[in-house]
C-alpha atoms as a PDB file:
ATOM      1  CA  UNK A   1      -0.349   0.123   0.132  1.00  0.00           C
ATOM      2  CA  UNK A   2       1.360   3.162  -1.053  1.00  0.00           C
ATOM      3  CA  UNK A   3       2.507   6.186   2.187  1.00  0.00           C
ATOM      4  CA  UNK A   4      -0.842   8.006   2.268  1.00  0.00           C
ATOM      5  CA  UNK A   5      -0.727  11.479   0.494  1.00  0.00           C
ATOM      6  CA  UNK A   6      -0.765  14.716   2.271  1.00  0.00           C
ATOM      7  CA  UNK A   7      -1.451  18.112   2.281  1.00  0.00           C
ATOM      8  CA  UNK A   8       0.506  21.178   0.010  1.00  0.00           C
ATOM      9  CA  UNK A   9       3.868  21.614   1.798  1.00  0.00           C
ATOM     10  CA  UNK A  10       3.540  24.982   3.140  1.00  0.00           C
ATOM     11  CA  UNK A  11       7.581  25.660   2.802  1.00  0.00           C
ATOM     12  CA  UNK A  12       7.191  25.364  -0.826  1.00  0.00           C
ATOM     13  CA  UNK A  13       3.878  26.891  -1.118  1.00  0.00           C
ATOM     14  CA  UNK A  14       2.375  29.250   0.825  1.00  0.00           C
ATOM     15  CA  UNK A  15      -0.553  29.007   3.587  1.00  0.00           C
ATOM     16  CA  UNK A  16      -2.576  31.708   1.113  1.00  0.00           C
ATOM     17  CA  UNK A  17      -1.707  29.840  -2.284  1.00  0.00           C
ATOM     18  CA  UNK A  18      -2.569  26.178  -3.746  1.00  0.00           C
ATOM     19  CA  UNK A  19      -5.734  24.655  -4.184  1.00  0.00           C
ATOM     20  CA  UNK A  20      -8.795  25.529  -2.390  1.00  0.00           C
ATOM     21  CA  UNK A  21      -9.109  21.833  -0.484  1.00  0.00           C
ATOM     22  CA  UNK A  22      -9.654  21.032   2.634  1.00  0.00           C
ATOM     23  CA  UNK A  23      -6.469  21.346   4.304  1.00  0.00           C
ATOM     24  CA  UNK A  24      -4.897  21.390   1.001  1.00  0.00           C
ATOM     25  CA  UNK A  25      -5.429  18.304   0.977  1.00  0.00           C
ATOM     26  CA  UNK A  26      -5.249  16.346  -2.682  1.00  0.00           C
ATOM     27  CA  UNK A  27      -8.769  15.790  -4.781  1.00  0.00           C
ATOM     28  CA  UNK A  28     -10.412  12.553  -4.213  1.00  0.00           C
ATOM     29  CA  UNK A  29      -9.576  11.978  -7.892  1.00  0.00           C
ATOM     30  CA  UNK A  30      -6.015  12.874  -7.048  1.00  0.00           C
ATOM     31  CA  UNK A  31      -5.439   9.002  -4.941  1.00  0.00           C
ATOM     32  CA  UNK A  32      -5.931   5.936  -5.852  1.00  0.00           C
ATOM     33  CA  UNK A  33      -8.318   5.576  -2.451  1.00  0.00           C
ATOM     34  CA  UNK A  34      -8.947   7.579   0.761  1.00  0.00           C
ATOM     35  CA  UNK A  35     -10.024   6.550   4.570  1.00  0.00           C
ATOM     36  CA  UNK A  36     -11.161   9.763   5.111  1.00  0.00           C
ATOM     37  CA  UNK A  37     -13.302  11.801   2.867  1.00  0.00           C
ATOM     38  CA  UNK A  38     -13.919  15.658   3.710  1.00  0.00           C
ATOM     39  CA  UNK A  39     -17.713  16.422   1.658  1.00  0.00           C
ATOM     40  CA  UNK A  40     -19.140  19.558   1.809  1.00  0.00           C
ATOM     41  CA  UNK A  41     -22.928  20.156   1.430  1.00  0.00           C
ATOM     42  CA  UNK A  42     -24.134  23.244   0.576  1.00  0.00           C
ATOM     43  CA  UNK A  43     -27.717  23.146   1.195  1.00  0.00           C
ATOM     44  CA  UNK A  44     -29.496  25.247   3.933  1.00  0.00           C
ATOM     45  CA  UNK A  45     -33.017  24.716   2.277  1.00  0.00           C
ATOM     46  CA  UNK A  46     -34.079  23.456   5.713  1.00  0.00           C
ATOM     47  CA  UNK A  47     -33.102  26.830   7.391  1.00  0.00           C
ATOM     48  CA  UNK A  48     -36.336  28.056  10.247  1.00  0.00           C
ATOM     49  CA  UNK A  49     -34.190  31.648  10.629  1.00  0.00           C
ATOM     50  CA  UNK A  50     -30.929  32.428   9.192  1.00  0.00           C
ATOM     51  CA  UNK A  51     -30.156  31.214   5.971  1.00  0.00           C
ATOM     52  CA  UNK A  52     -26.366  31.620   4.924  1.00  0.00           C
ATOM     53  CA  UNK A  53     -25.233  27.064   5.682  1.00  0.00           C
ATOM     54  CA  UNK A  54     -24.867  27.226   1.485  1.00  0.00           C
ATOM     55  CA  UNK A  55     -21.691  28.946   1.919  1.00  0.00           C
ATOM     56  CA  UNK A  56     -20.294  26.659   4.760  1.00  0.00           C
ATOM     57  CA  UNK A  57     -18.291  24.349   2.605  1.00  0.00           C
ATOM     58  CA  UNK A  58     -16.254  26.570   0.754  1.00  0.00           C
ATOM     59  CA  UNK A  59     -15.686  28.962   4.303  1.00  0.00           C
ATOM     60  CA  UNK A  60     -14.314  26.047   6.575  1.00  0.00           C
ATOM     61  CA  UNK A  61     -12.415  24.999   3.660  1.00  0.00           C
ATOM     62  CA  UNK A  62     -10.702  28.361   2.623  1.00  0.00           C
ATOM     63  CA  UNK A  63     -10.372  28.644   6.896  1.00  0.00           C
ATOM     64  CA  UNK A  64      -8.528  25.065   6.928  1.00  0.00           C
ATOM     65  CA  UNK A  65      -5.108  26.255   5.158  1.00  0.00           C
ATOM     66  CA  UNK A  66      -3.442  27.046   8.707  1.00  0.00           C
ATOM     67  CA  UNK A  67      -3.786  23.677   9.705  1.00  0.00           C
ATOM     68  CA  UNK A  68      -0.996  21.679   9.913  1.00  0.00           C
ATOM     69  CA  UNK A  69      -0.128  17.685   9.738  1.00  0.00           C
ATOM     70  CA  UNK A  70       0.434  16.922  13.596  1.00  0.00           C
ATOM     71  CA  UNK A  71      -1.329  17.092  16.330  1.00  0.00           C
ATOM     72  CA  UNK A  72      -0.130  17.677  19.293  1.00  0.00           C
ATOM     73  CA  UNK A  73      -3.119  17.295  21.312  1.00  0.00           C
ATOM     74  CA  UNK A  74      -3.909  14.009  20.793  1.00  0.00           C
ATOM     75  CA  UNK A  75      -0.396  12.860  19.734  1.00  0.00           C
ATOM     76  CA  UNK A  76      -1.188  11.920  15.964  1.00  0.00           C
ATOM     77  CA  UNK A  77      -0.818  13.195  12.521  1.00  0.00           C
ATOM     78  CA  UNK A  78      -4.150  12.265  10.570  1.00  0.00           C
ATOM     79  CA  UNK A  79      -2.646  12.360   6.819  1.00  0.00           C
ATOM     80  CA  UNK A  80       0.203  10.872   7.686  1.00  0.00           C
ATOM     81  CA  UNK A  81      -1.750   7.929   9.714  1.00  0.00           C
ATOM     82  CA  UNK A  82      -4.893   7.986   6.493  1.00  0.00           C
ATOM     83  CA  UNK A  83      -5.205   8.663   3.298  1.00  0.00           C
ATOM     84  CA  UNK A  84      -7.587  11.746   3.682  1.00  0.00           C
ATOM     85  CA  UNK A  85      -9.007  13.993   0.341  1.00  0.00           C
ATOM     86  CA  UNK A  86     -11.728  15.835  -0.397  1.00  0.00           C
ATOM     87  CA  UNK A  87     -14.166  14.401  -2.436  1.00  0.00           C
ATOM     88  CA  UNK A  88     -15.925  18.248  -3.388  1.00  0.00           C
ATOM     89  CA  UNK A  89     -19.366  18.861  -2.780  1.00  0.00           C
ATOM     90  CA  UNK A  90     -22.513  16.996  -3.270  1.00  0.00           C
ATOM     91  CA  UNK A  91     -24.936  19.443  -5.569  1.00  0.00           C
ATOM     92  CA  UNK A  92     -28.478  19.054  -4.308  1.00  0.00           C
ATOM     93  CA  UNK A  93     -31.951  20.888  -4.870  1.00  0.00           C
ATOM     94  CA  UNK A  94     -32.489  23.849  -3.136  1.00  0.00           C
ATOM     95  CA  UNK A  95     -35.763  23.877  -4.200  1.00  0.00           C
ATOM     96  CA  UNK A  96     -36.970  20.433  -3.150  1.00  0.00           C
ATOM     97  CA  UNK A  97     -35.892  19.275   0.612  1.00  0.00           C
ATOM     98  CA  UNK A  98     -37.640  15.763  -0.379  1.00  0.00           C
ATOM     99  CA  UNK A  99     -35.128  15.295  -3.030  1.00  0.00           C
ATOM    100  CA  UNK A 100     -32.190  16.895  -1.868  1.00  0.00           C
ATOM    101  CA  UNK A 101     -32.138  14.598   0.888  1.00  0.00           C
ATOM    102  CA  UNK A 102     -32.601  11.452  -1.466  1.00  0.00           C
ATOM    103  CA  UNK A 103     -29.693  12.765  -3.870  1.00  0.00           C
ATOM    104  CA  UNK A 104     -27.836  13.575  -0.706  1.00  0.00           C
ATOM    105  CA  UNK A 105     -28.282   9.508   0.466  1.00  0.00           C
ATOM    106  CA  UNK A 106     -27.066   7.972  -2.760  1.00  0.00           C
ATOM    107  CA  UNK A 107     -24.271  10.288  -3.067  1.00  0.00           C
ATOM    108  CA  UNK A 108     -23.072   9.544   0.786  1.00  0.00           C
ATOM    109  CA  UNK A 109     -23.490   6.177   0.051  1.00  0.00           C
ATOM    110  CA  UNK A 110     -21.373   6.121  -2.946  1.00  0.00           C
ATOM    111  CA  UNK A 111     -19.301   7.836  -1.186  1.00  0.00           C
ATOM    112  CA  UNK A 112     -18.719   5.299   1.118  1.00  0.00           C
ATOM    113  CA  UNK A 113     -19.104   2.138  -0.676  1.00  0.00           C
ATOM    114  CA  UNK A 114     -15.055   1.336  -1.040  1.00  0.00           C
ATOM    115  CA  UNK A 115     -14.676   1.841   3.046  1.00  0.00           C
ATOM    116  CA  UNK A 116     -14.426   5.622   2.977  1.00  0.00           C
ATOM    117  CA  UNK A 117     -15.641   7.002   6.478  1.00  0.00           C
ATOM    118  CA  UNK A 118     -17.604  10.687   5.700  1.00  0.00           C
ATOM    119  CA  UNK A 119     -16.440  13.781   7.761  1.00  0.00           C
ATOM    120  CA  UNK A 120     -18.864  15.874   6.543  1.00  0.00           C
ATOM    121  CA  UNK A 121     -19.072  19.914   6.068  1.00  0.00           C
ATOM    122  CA  UNK A 122     -22.556  21.477   5.852  1.00  0.00           C
ATOM    123  CA  UNK A 123     -25.392  22.804   5.309  1.00  0.00           C
ATOM    124  CA  UNK A 124     -28.319  23.052   7.426  1.00  0.00           C
ATOM    125  CA  UNK A 125     -28.971  19.783   9.915  1.00  0.00           C
ATOM    126  CA  UNK A 126     -31.607  18.327   7.825  1.00  0.00           C
ATOM    127  CA  UNK A 127     -28.180  17.311   5.649  1.00  0.00           C
ATOM    128  CA  UNK A 128     -27.772  14.794   9.122  1.00  0.00           C
ATOM    129  CA  UNK A 129     -30.551  12.628   8.046  1.00  0.00           C
ATOM    130  CA  UNK A 130     -29.725  11.344   5.285  1.00  0.00           C
ATOM    131  CA  UNK A 131     -25.840  10.568   6.751  1.00  0.00           C
ATOM    132  CA  UNK A 132     -27.452   8.564   9.602  1.00  0.00           C
ATOM    133  CA  UNK A 133     -29.219   6.244   7.027  1.00  0.00           C
ATOM    134  CA  UNK A 134     -26.143   6.141   5.721  1.00  0.00           C
ATOM    135  CA  UNK A 135     -24.337   4.844   8.504  1.00  0.00           C
ATOM    136  CA  UNK A 136     -27.370   2.930   9.853  1.00  0.00           C
ATOM    137  CA  UNK A 137     -27.014   1.042   6.419  1.00  0.00           C
ATOM    138  CA  UNK A 138     -23.020   0.014   6.991  1.00  0.00           C
ATOM    139  CA  UNK A 139     -23.136  -0.755  10.944  1.00  0.00           C
ATOM    140  CA  UNK A 140     -26.934  -0.989  11.896  1.00  0.00           C
ATOM    141  CA  UNK A 141     -28.466   1.234  14.792  1.00  0.00           C
ATOM    142  CA  UNK A 142     -25.647   4.037  15.771  1.00  0.00           C
ATOM    143  CA  UNK A 143     -25.152   5.165  18.762  1.00  0.00           C
ATOM    144  CA  UNK A 144     -25.132   9.568  18.243  1.00  0.00           C
ATOM    145  CA  UNK A 145     -23.925  12.307  20.269  1.00  0.00           C
ATOM    146  CA  UNK A 146     -25.508  15.191  19.300  1.00  0.00           C
ATOM    147  CA  UNK A 147     -23.426  19.048  19.661  1.00  0.00           C
ATOM    148  CA  UNK A 148     -26.136  21.879  19.398  1.00  0.00           C
ATOM    149  CA  UNK A 149     -27.571  24.372  21.416  1.00  0.00           C
ATOM    150  CA  UNK A 150     -30.437  22.746  20.899  1.00  0.00           C
ATOM    151  CA  UNK A 151     -32.484  19.801  19.819  1.00  0.00           C
ATOM    152  CA  UNK A 152     -33.212  19.195  16.583  1.00  0.00           C
ATOM    153  CA  UNK A 153     -36.048  16.980  17.538  1.00  0.00           C
ATOM    154  CA  UNK A 154     -38.892  18.481  16.747  1.00  0.00           C
ATOM    155  CA  UNK A 155     -42.028  16.953  15.089  1.00  0.00           C
ATOM    156  CA  UNK A 156     -43.062  19.357  12.348  1.00  0.00           C
ATOM    157  CA  UNK A 157     -42.269  22.523  11.645  1.00  0.00           C
ATOM    158  CA  UNK A 158     -44.778  24.591   9.774  1.00  0.00           C
ATOM    159  CA  UNK A 159     -46.703  21.494   8.664  1.00  0.00           C
ATOM    160  CA  UNK A 160     -43.173  20.541   7.144  1.00  0.00           C
ATOM    161  CA  UNK A 161     -41.123  16.782   8.685  1.00  0.00           C
ATOM    162  CA  UNK A 162     -37.632  17.553   7.020  1.00  0.00           C
ATOM    163  CA  UNK A 163     -36.049  21.129   8.793  1.00  0.00           C
ATOM    164  CA  UNK A 164     -33.049  21.197   9.965  1.00  0.00           C
ATOM    165  CA  UNK A 165     -35.266  20.848  13.513  1.00  0.00           C
ATOM    166  CA  UNK A 166     -36.626  16.978  12.739  1.00  0.00           C
ATOM    167  CA  UNK A 167     -33.515  15.746  11.665  1.00  0.00           C
ATOM    168  CA  UNK A 168     -33.030  13.200  14.641  1.00  0.00           C
ATOM    169  CA  UNK A 169     -36.751  12.729  15.723  1.00  0.00           C
ATOM    170  CA  UNK A 170     -36.742  11.158  11.835  1.00  0.00           C
ATOM    171  CA  UNK A 171     -33.198   9.358  12.762  1.00  0.00           C
ATOM    172  CA  UNK A 172     -35.439   7.804  15.981  1.00  0.00           C
ATOM    173  CA  UNK A 173     -38.756   7.110  13.829  1.00  0.00           C
ATOM    174  CA  UNK A 174     -36.339   5.127  11.155  1.00  0.00           C
ATOM    175  CA  UNK A 175     -35.119   3.191  13.509  1.00  0.00           C
ATOM    176  CA  UNK A 176     -31.202   4.432  12.723  1.00  0.00           C
ATOM    177  CA  UNK A 177     -30.171   5.080  16.249  1.00  0.00           C
ATOM    178  CA  UNK A 178     -29.571   3.166  19.229  1.00  0.00           C
ATOM    179  CA  UNK A 179     -31.918   4.622  21.825  1.00  0.00           C
ATOM    180  CA  UNK A 180     -28.803   3.262  24.491  1.00  0.00           C
ATOM    181  CA  UNK A 181     -26.776   5.186  23.684  1.00  0.00           C
ATOM    182  CA  UNK A 182     -27.883   8.700  22.420  1.00  0.00           C
ATOM    183  CA  UNK A 183     -27.149  12.221  23.916  1.00  0.00           C
ATOM    184  CA  UNK A 184     -27.877  16.321  22.933  1.00  0.00           C
ATOM    185  CA  UNK A 185     -24.459  18.262  24.296  1.00  0.00           C
ATOM    186  CA  UNK A 186     -24.828  21.747  24.385  1.00  0.00           C
ATOM    187  CA  UNK A 187     -28.398  22.080  24.585  1.00  0.00           C
ATOM    188  CA  UNK A 188     -29.275  26.107  26.096  1.00  0.00           C
ATOM    189  CA  UNK A 189     -31.381  28.497  26.189  1.00  0.00           C
ATOM    190  CA  UNK A 190     -35.340  28.690  25.956  1.00  0.00           C
ATOM    191  CA  UNK A 191     -38.030  26.501  24.217  1.00  0.00           C
ATOM    192  CA  UNK A 192     -41.002  26.585  23.384  1.00  0.00           C
ATOM    193  CA  UNK A 193     -42.838  24.435  26.377  1.00  0.00           C
ATOM    194  CA  UNK A 194     -41.105  21.813  28.753  1.00  0.00           C
ATOM    195  CA  UNK A 195     -42.285  19.231  25.985  1.00  0.00           C
ATOM    196  CA  UNK A 196     -40.052  19.411  24.158  1.00  0.00           C
ATOM    197  CA  UNK A 197     -37.912  17.471  27.051  1.00  0.00           C
ATOM    198  CA  UNK A 198     -40.120  14.869  27.719  1.00  0.00           C
ATOM    199  CA  UNK A 199     -40.074  14.286  23.858  1.00  0.00           C
ATOM    200  CA  UNK A 200     -36.796  13.613  24.429  1.00  0.00           C
ATOM    201  CA  UNK A 201     -36.432  12.033  27.477  1.00  0.00           C
ATOM    202  CA  UNK A 202     -39.003   9.567  25.786  1.00  0.00           C
ATOM    203  CA  UNK A 203     -36.752   9.091  22.984  1.00  0.00           C
ATOM    204  CA  UNK A 204     -34.219   8.142  25.383  1.00  0.00           C
ATOM    205  CA  UNK A 205     -31.648  10.677  24.427  1.00  0.00           C
ATOM    206  CA  UNK A 206     -29.528  11.892  27.250  1.00  0.00           C
ATOM    207  CA  UNK A 207     -28.792  15.401  27.363  1.00  0.00           C
ATOM    208  CA  UNK A 208     -25.723  17.294  29.079  1.00  0.00           C
ATOM    209  CA  UNK A 209     -26.446  21.285  28.987  1.00  0.00           C
ATOM    210  CA  UNK A 210     -23.489  24.073  28.001  1.00  0.00           C
ATOM    211  CA  UNK A 211     -23.720  24.567  31.638  1.00  0.00           C
ATOM    212  CA  UNK A 212     -23.179  21.234  32.356  1.00  0.00           C
ATOM    213  CA  UNK A 213     -20.080  21.446  30.858  1.00  0.00           C
ATOM    214  CA  UNK A 214     -19.580  24.242  32.513  1.00  0.00           C
ATOM    215  CA  UNK A 215     -19.630  22.743  35.912  1.00  0.00           C
ATOM    216  CA  UNK A 216     -18.482  19.978  35.486  1.00  0.00           C
ATOM    217  CA  UNK A 217     -15.553  20.727  32.793  1.00  0.00           C
ATOM    218  CA  UNK A 218     -14.537  18.543  29.522  1.00  0.00           C
ATOM    219  CA  UNK A 219     -12.906  15.529  31.231  1.00  0.00           C
ATOM    220  CA  UNK A 220     -15.684  14.813  33.140  1.00  0.00           C
ATOM    221  CA  UNK A 221     -18.214  15.177  30.356  1.00  0.00           C
ATOM    222  CA  UNK A 222     -16.294  13.096  27.823  1.00  0.00           C
ATOM    223  CA  UNK A 223     -15.614  10.298  31.088  1.00  0.00           C
ATOM    224  CA  UNK A 224     -19.571  10.126  30.995  1.00  0.00           C
ATOM    225  CA  UNK A 225     -19.788  10.139  27.385  1.00  0.00           C
ATOM    226  CA  UNK A 226     -17.852   7.656  26.787  1.00  0.00           C
ATOM    227  CA  UNK A 227     -19.368   5.070  29.190  1.00  0.00           C
ATOM    228  CA  UNK A 228     -22.633   5.928  27.773  1.00  0.00           C
ATOM    229  CA  UNK A 229     -21.662   5.053  24.241  1.00  0.00           C
ATOM    230  CA  UNK A 230     -19.175   1.923  24.943  1.00  0.00           C
ATOM    231  CA  UNK A 231     -17.873   0.479  22.394  1.00  0.00           C
ATOM    232  CA  UNK A 232     -20.838   0.923  20.000  1.00  0.00           C
ATOM    233  CA  UNK A 233     -20.416   2.566  16.189  1.00  0.00           C
ATOM    234  CA  UNK A 234     -21.006   6.259  17.203  1.00  0.00           C
ATOM    235  CA  UNK A 235     -22.347   9.292  14.743  1.00  0.00           C
ATOM    236  CA  UNK A 236     -20.812  12.562  15.883  1.00  0.00           C
ATOM    237  CA  UNK A 237     -23.524  15.080  14.879  1.00  0.00           C
ATOM    238  CA  UNK A 238     -21.547  18.857  15.411  1.00  0.00           C
ATOM    239  CA  UNK A 239     -24.289  22.390  15.274  1.00  0.00           C
ATOM    240  CA  UNK A 240     -21.332  25.169  15.413  1.00  0.00           C
ATOM    241  CA  UNK A 241     -24.105  27.456  17.159  1.00  0.00           C
ATOM    242  CA  UNK A 242     -22.925  24.502  20.093  1.00  0.00           C
ATOM    243  CA  UNK A 243     -20.312  27.268  20.808  1.00  0.00           C
ATOM    244  CA  UNK A 244     -21.278  30.808  22.085  1.00  0.00           C
ATOM    245  CA  UNK A 245     -21.997  33.449  19.715  1.00  0.00           C
ATOM    246  CA  UNK A 246     -18.760  34.498  20.945  1.00  0.00           C
ATOM    247  CA  UNK A 247     -17.373  32.052  18.931  1.00  0.00           C
ATOM    248  CA  UNK A 248     -19.564  31.392  16.806  1.00  0.00           C
ATOM    249  CA  UNK A 249     -21.218  34.341  15.146  1.00  0.00           C
ATOM    250  CA  UNK A 250     -21.710  33.661  11.932  1.00  0.00           C
ATOM    251  CA  UNK A 251     -24.864  30.522  12.569  1.00  0.00           C
ATOM    252  CA  UNK A 252     -27.983  30.447  12.065  1.00  0.00           C
ATOM    253  CA  UNK A 253     -30.268  30.736  15.041  1.00  0.00           C
ATOM    254  CA  UNK A 254     -27.381  31.730  18.019  1.00  0.00           C
ATOM    255  CA  UNK A 255     -28.371  31.414  21.209  1.00  0.00           C
ATOM    256  CA  UNK A 256     -26.369  33.125  24.119  1.00  0.00           C
ATOM    257  CA  UNK A 257     -23.695  31.030  27.091  1.00  0.00           C
ATOM    258  CA  UNK A 258     -23.016  28.567  24.593  1.00  0.00           C
ATOM    259  CA  UNK A 259     -19.401  26.046  24.869  1.00  0.00           C
ATOM    260  CA  UNK A 260     -16.085  27.447  24.245  1.00  0.00           C
ATOM    261  CA  UNK A 261     -14.107  25.970  21.069  1.00  0.00           C
ATOM    262  CA  UNK A 262     -11.500  24.917  23.550  1.00  0.00           C
ATOM    263  CA  UNK A 263     -14.615  23.570  25.556  1.00  0.00           C
ATOM    264  CA  UNK A 264     -15.693  21.539  22.960  1.00  0.00           C
ATOM    265  CA  UNK A 265     -12.269  20.318  21.083  1.00  0.00           C
ATOM    266  CA  UNK A 266     -11.153  19.122  24.292  1.00  0.00           C
ATOM    267  CA  UNK A 267     -14.647  17.206  25.206  1.00  0.00           C
ATOM    268  CA  UNK A 268     -13.867  15.840  21.478  1.00  0.00           C
ATOM    269  CA  UNK A 269     -10.032  14.748  22.405  1.00  0.00           C
ATOM    270  CA  UNK A 270     -11.861  13.175  25.422  1.00  0.00           C
ATOM    271  CA  UNK A 271     -13.918  10.724  22.997  1.00  0.00           C
ATOM    272  CA  UNK A 272      -9.916   8.824  21.744  1.00  0.00           C
ATOM    273  CA  UNK A 273     -10.879   5.573  21.688  1.00  0.00           C
ATOM    274  CA  UNK A 274     -14.799   5.413  20.399  1.00  0.00           C
ATOM    275  CA  UNK A 275     -15.261   3.675  17.048  1.00  0.00           C
ATOM    276  CA  UNK A 276     -16.629   6.740  15.529  1.00  0.00           C
ATOM    277  CA  UNK A 277     -17.911   5.234  12.351  1.00  0.00           C
ATOM    278  CA  UNK A 278     -18.776   8.962  10.543  1.00  0.00           C
ATOM    279  CA  UNK A 279     -19.353  12.774  11.531  1.00  0.00           C
ATOM    280  CA  UNK A 280     -20.537  16.440  10.062  1.00  0.00           C
ATOM    281  CA  UNK A 281     -20.162  19.917  10.966  1.00  0.00           C
ATOM    282  CA  UNK A 282     -23.104  22.304  10.242  1.00  0.00           C
ATOM    283  CA  UNK A 283     -24.570  25.165  10.374  1.00  0.00           C
ATOM    284  CA  UNK A 284     -21.783  28.050   9.596  1.00  0.00           C
ATOM    285  CA  UNK A 285     -22.867  30.688   8.064  1.00  0.00           C
ATOM    286  CA  UNK A 286     -20.734  33.051   6.802  1.00  0.00           C
ATOM    287  CA  UNK A 287     -22.550  36.179   5.925  1.00  0.00           C
ATOM    288  CA  UNK A 288     -22.870  36.840   9.488  1.00  0.00           C
ATOM    289  CA  UNK A 289     -19.509  35.669  10.500  1.00  0.00           C
ATOM    290  CA  UNK A 290     -16.653  38.127  11.065  1.00  0.00           C
ATOM    291  CA  UNK A 291     -12.434  37.525  11.044  1.00  0.00           C
ATOM    292  CA  UNK A 292     -13.216  33.401   9.897  1.00  0.00           C
ATOM    293  CA  UNK A 293     -13.941  33.371  13.567  1.00  0.00           C
ATOM    294  CA  UNK A 294     -17.093  30.404  12.801  1.00  0.00           C
ATOM    295  CA  UNK A 295     -15.272  29.346   9.851  1.00  0.00           C
ATOM    296  CA  UNK A 296     -11.810  28.886  11.837  1.00  0.00           C
ATOM    297  CA  UNK A 297     -13.337  26.911  14.592  1.00  0.00           C
ATOM    298  CA  UNK A 298     -15.463  24.399  12.281  1.00  0.00           C
ATOM    299  CA  UNK A 299     -12.572  23.760  10.208  1.00  0.00           C
ATOM    300  CA  UNK A 300     -10.624  22.924  13.681  1.00  0.00           C
ATOM    301  CA  UNK A 301     -13.760  21.465  14.696  1.00  0.00           C
ATOM    302  CA  UNK A 302     -13.109  18.765  11.318  1.00  0.00           C
ATOM    303  CA  UNK A 303      -9.902  18.440  11.851  1.00  0.00           C
ATOM    304  CA  UNK A 304      -9.976  17.008  15.166  1.00  0.00           C
ATOM    305  CA  UNK A 305     -12.770  14.342  14.280  1.00  0.00           C
ATOM    306  CA  UNK A 306     -10.436  13.480  11.095  1.00  0.00           C
ATOM    307  CA  UNK A 307      -7.582  13.206  13.798  1.00  0.00           C
ATOM    308  CA  UNK A 308     -10.466  11.058  16.281  1.00  0.00           C
ATOM    309  CA  UNK A 309     -10.714   8.580  12.994  1.00  0.00           C
ATOM    310  CA  UNK A 310      -7.023   8.408  12.757  1.00  0.00           C
ATOM    311  CA  UNK A 311      -6.215   6.644  16.158  1.00  0.00           C
ATOM    312  CA  UNK A 312      -8.264   4.079  15.312  1.00  0.00           C
ATOM    313  CA  UNK A 313      -5.484   3.207  12.563  1.00  0.00           C
ATOM    314  CA  UNK A 314      -2.763   1.141  13.873  1.00  0.00           C
ATOM    315  CA  UNK A 315       0.192   3.309  13.082  1.00  0.00           C
END
């Protein structure tokens, strides 16, 4: 097996130049195989407030130019241990949500077919449903860690079953998730009614609020989550609005009182050793960002997810 082809060498091509791929990695069509594919889904027709996440994949790729090949926090060089490639974007119908979901599911299935694991950049949170369908097809019911300010378990919104506020209820109804190992992390803010929490408890979700993270700390929270997940196949879905607006202003539905970027990254690093099978980072809306604060945070989150996948492989 050939050695993985990594990012463009920054000592030869400055970071503000070179390819516009994630972390300046090779494109998928430039390598013979990929252990991990970074794929964008520029879709935001499911949003309930501020649009713009369709531009998230491009913004996160641009912000990822500063990523470097060695991760000292996890002691891993993910691009040396794995062949990681940028698979470009999944183009889908911006006017028909059901058709877009079907397109995303089919494209994600094709990308995953050779044994490639996906780290997906959204796009709004609607895209999690088709990605979970593919994960379920490959691994059976999966454990889920859902990092978000919101529950995203509404039944419908304005009568619509498929929005960025409904994917995890649909996933439960379709039997995609292992309900013994599903958790929300970072939730906060006002709800429409207490019934939202009652519904979540009935579905099996555990909840770690942003206040819990503040009081218990990232290490204790990560240990709690690891215990709940066990060795089950794990899917991680991260809405960037899990971060406080001070750390992620460029998102569609910001809520005060969120996690810091440091807390989120430390929780993720505390999940080293879990059986991660796929992940997404969604809801980056660069029109509301400044100084690339949100897209920089999202690019580092995606890098940590790739590093967690790399830790599963023997050196």
